[in-house]
Amino acid sequence: MSRVVTAARDWLGTPYVHQASCKGAGSDCLGLLLGLWRELNGPLPAPVPAYTNDWSEASGEERLLVALRAHLTEKNLADAAPGDVLIFRMRTGGVAKHVGLQTQVRPSARFIHAYSGHGVMEGALTAPWARRVVARFVFPCTTPAPERT
């Protein structure tokens, strides 16, 4: 099993808290990704600005996709693997604004995400969820360099 999937499963049950990123205390979907990055790779590569629940909807800007393309390696949507970062468009014509992490592939595809009213959970990547995936990225799983004293 991939290190990122193992690490993500440690977040299961974390309550949903908008803009939070603290395992066990609170997280939203992006906070889960940010927390996993810090845990497995160290400091974030760029600051994350504050965002609202309806971020980018009024402007139509694909802020999440642009940011992830700057820091992760995008891959073919059909090339599913455990540990992939999934980006979802929650409604047709809307901006991509939900993040999850694939934990299993076919025949029983599953993913972990933080969802309002549910917290961090693992569920089936059912057809309604799968058709919303608009991008897939490789999660860079490196070990942070030890601190020098």
Protein backbone atom coordinates (compact mmCIF):
# COMPACT_ATOMS: atom_id res chain seq x y z
CA MET A 1 0.00 0.00 0.00
CA SER A 2 1.25 3.50 -0.77
CA ARG A 3 2.58 5.68 2.04
CA VAL A 4 0.14 8.45 1.21
CA VAL A 5 -2.87 6.09 1.45
CA THR A 6 -1.65 4.81 4.82
CA ALA A 7 -1.13 8.38 6.03
CA ALA A 8 -4.55 9.50 4.71
CA ARG A 9 -6.31 6.69 6.55
CA ASP A 10 -4.89 8.11 9.80
CA TRP A 11 -7.05 11.20 9.11
CA LEU A 12 -10.31 9.21 8.96
CA GLY A 13 -12.86 10.54 11.43
CA THR A 14 -11.33 14.04 11.55
CA PRO A 15 -14.30 16.46 11.73
CA TYR A 16 -15.05 18.77 8.81
CA VAL A 17 -13.86 22.30 9.54
CA HIS A 18 -13.62 24.82 6.70
CA GLN A 19 -10.01 25.95 6.03
CA ALA A 20 -8.62 23.67 8.74
CA SER A 21 -5.80 21.17 8.29
CA CYS A 22 -5.23 19.43 11.60
CA LYS A 23 -5.48 15.64 11.84
CA GLY A 24 -8.02 14.65 14.48
CA ALA A 25 -9.14 18.23 15.16
CA GLY A 26 -10.56 19.49 11.85
CA SER A 27 -10.03 19.56 8.11
CA ASP A 28 -11.70 20.39 4.84
CA CYS A 29 -10.85 18.64 1.57
CA LEU A 30 -7.93 20.93 0.70
CA GLY A 31 -6.76 20.85 4.31
CA LEU A 32 -6.50 17.06 4.08
CA LEU A 33 -4.21 17.37 1.05
CA LEU A 34 -2.15 20.10 2.72
CA GLY A 35 -1.83 18.09 5.93
CA LEU A 36 -0.69 15.02 4.02
CA TRP A 37 1.84 17.13 2.10
CA ARG A 38 3.32 18.50 5.35
CA GLU A 39 3.38 15.06 6.94
CA LEU A 40 5.10 13.35 4.00
CA ASN A 41 7.05 16.16 2.32
CA GLY A 42 7.64 18.88 4.89
CA PRO A 43 6.77 22.56 4.35
CA LEU A 44 4.22 23.54 1.71
CA PRO A 45 5.76 24.75 -1.57
CA ALA A 46 3.68 27.95 -1.53
CA PRO A 47 1.36 29.79 0.85
CA VAL A 48 -2.34 28.96 0.54
CA PRO A 49 -4.57 32.04 0.53
CA ALA A 50 -7.83 32.13 2.47
CA TYR A 51 -10.80 30.80 0.49
CA THR A 52 -14.55 30.74 0.88
CA ASN A 53 -16.95 27.83 0.38
CA ASP A 54 -17.88 29.28 -3.02
CA TRP A 55 -14.28 30.10 -4.04
CA SER A 56 -13.76 30.96 -7.69
CA GLU A 57 -17.40 30.38 -8.60
CA ALA A 58 -18.22 34.03 -9.36
CA SER A 59 -15.08 34.61 -11.42
CA GLY A 60 -14.96 31.16 -13.01
CA GLU A 61 -11.22 31.01 -12.35
CA GLU A 62 -9.79 27.50 -12.00
CA ARG A 63 -7.62 28.47 -9.00
CA LEU A 64 -7.40 24.94 -7.58
CA LEU A 65 -6.40 23.36 -10.90
CA VAL A 66 -3.86 26.07 -11.61
CA ALA A 67 -2.27 25.70 -8.17
CA LEU A 68 -2.09 21.91 -8.34
CA ARG A 69 -0.65 21.98 -11.85
CA ALA A 70 2.11 24.24 -10.53
CA HIS A 71 3.10 21.82 -7.75
CA LEU A 72 2.04 18.30 -8.75
CA THR A 73 2.43 16.10 -11.81
CA GLU A 74 -0.82 15.67 -13.72
CA LYS A 75 -1.56 12.28 -15.21
CA ASN A 76 -4.09 10.70 -17.55
CA LEU A 77 -7.55 10.36 -15.99
CA ALA A 78 -7.69 6.68 -17.01
CA ASP A 79 -4.34 5.89 -15.33
CA ALA A 80 -5.73 5.35 -11.81
CA ALA A 81 -3.45 4.32 -8.97
CA PRO A 82 -3.73 4.30 -5.17
CA GLY A 83 -2.40 7.59 -3.81
CA ASP A 84 -3.53 9.73 -6.74
CA VAL A 85 -4.91 13.18 -5.93
CA LEU A 86 -8.35 13.56 -7.51
CA ILE A 87 -9.90 16.92 -8.40
CA PHE A 88 -13.67 17.15 -8.75
CA ARG A 89 -16.01 19.56 -10.48
CA MET A 90 -19.10 19.39 -8.25
CA ARG A 91 -21.50 20.64 -10.91
CA THR A 92 -21.47 20.87 -14.69
CA GLY A 93 -19.99 24.19 -15.75
CA GLY A 94 -18.70 24.92 -12.26
CA VAL A 95 -15.08 25.32 -11.25
CA ALA A 96 -13.10 22.39 -9.88
CA LYS A 97 -13.15 22.79 -6.11
CA HIS A 98 -13.15 19.44 -4.33
CA VAL A 99 -10.12 17.25 -3.60
CA GLY A 100 -9.82 13.59 -2.71
CA LEU A 101 -7.20 10.86 -2.61
CA GLN A 102 -7.72 7.56 -4.43
CA THR A 103 -7.18 4.59 -2.12
CA GLN A 104 -8.22 1.66 -4.32
CA VAL A 105 -8.74 1.11 -8.03
CA ARG A 106 -11.07 -1.19 -9.94
CA PRO A 107 -13.11 -3.20 -9.40
CA SER A 108 -13.86 -1.49 -6.07
CA ALA A 109 -12.53 2.04 -6.53
CA ARG A 110 -12.45 4.06 -3.31
CA PHE A 111 -11.25 7.48 -2.18
CA ILE A 112 -10.72 9.54 0.96
CA HIS A 113 -11.99 13.10 1.18
CA ALA A 114 -13.29 15.61 3.71
CA TYR A 115 -16.92 16.37 3.11
CA SER A 116 -19.15 18.88 4.87
CA GLY A 117 -21.36 17.11 7.40
CA HIS A 118 -19.25 13.93 7.25
CA GLY A 119 -15.64 14.88 8.04
CA VAL A 120 -12.75 12.90 6.61
CA MET A 121 -14.15 9.66 5.29
CA GLU A 122 -13.34 6.86 2.89
CA GLY A 123 -16.04 5.86 0.45
CA ALA A 124 -16.73 4.22 -2.87
CA LEU A 125 -15.71 6.15 -5.97
CA THR A 126 -19.17 5.53 -7.41
CA ALA A 127 -20.24 6.58 -10.90
CA PRO A 128 -21.70 9.90 -9.66
CA TRP A 129 -18.35 10.75 -8.02
CA ALA A 130 -16.19 9.33 -10.82
CA ARG A 131 -17.90 11.40 -13.52
CA ARG A 132 -17.02 14.56 -11.56
CA VAL A 133 -13.25 13.87 -11.62
CA VAL A 134 -11.63 16.42 -13.92
CA ALA A 135 -7.97 15.90 -13.09
CA ARG A 136 -5.69 13.33 -11.52
CA PHE A 137 -2.26 14.05 -10.06
CA VAL A 138 0.61 12.03 -8.65
CA PHE A 139 1.11 12.79 -4.97
CA PRO A 140 4.86 13.29 -4.44
CA CYS A 141 5.66 11.11 -1.46
CA THR A 142 9.11 11.91 -0.22
CA THR A 143 10.52 11.80 3.25
CA PRO A 144 11.23 15.25 4.69
CA ALA A 145 14.87 15.97 5.32
CA PRO A 146 15.80 15.65 9.00
CA GLU A 147 16.13 18.91 10.86
CA ARG A 148 19.69 20.02 11.50
CA THR A 149 20.62 21.02 14.98
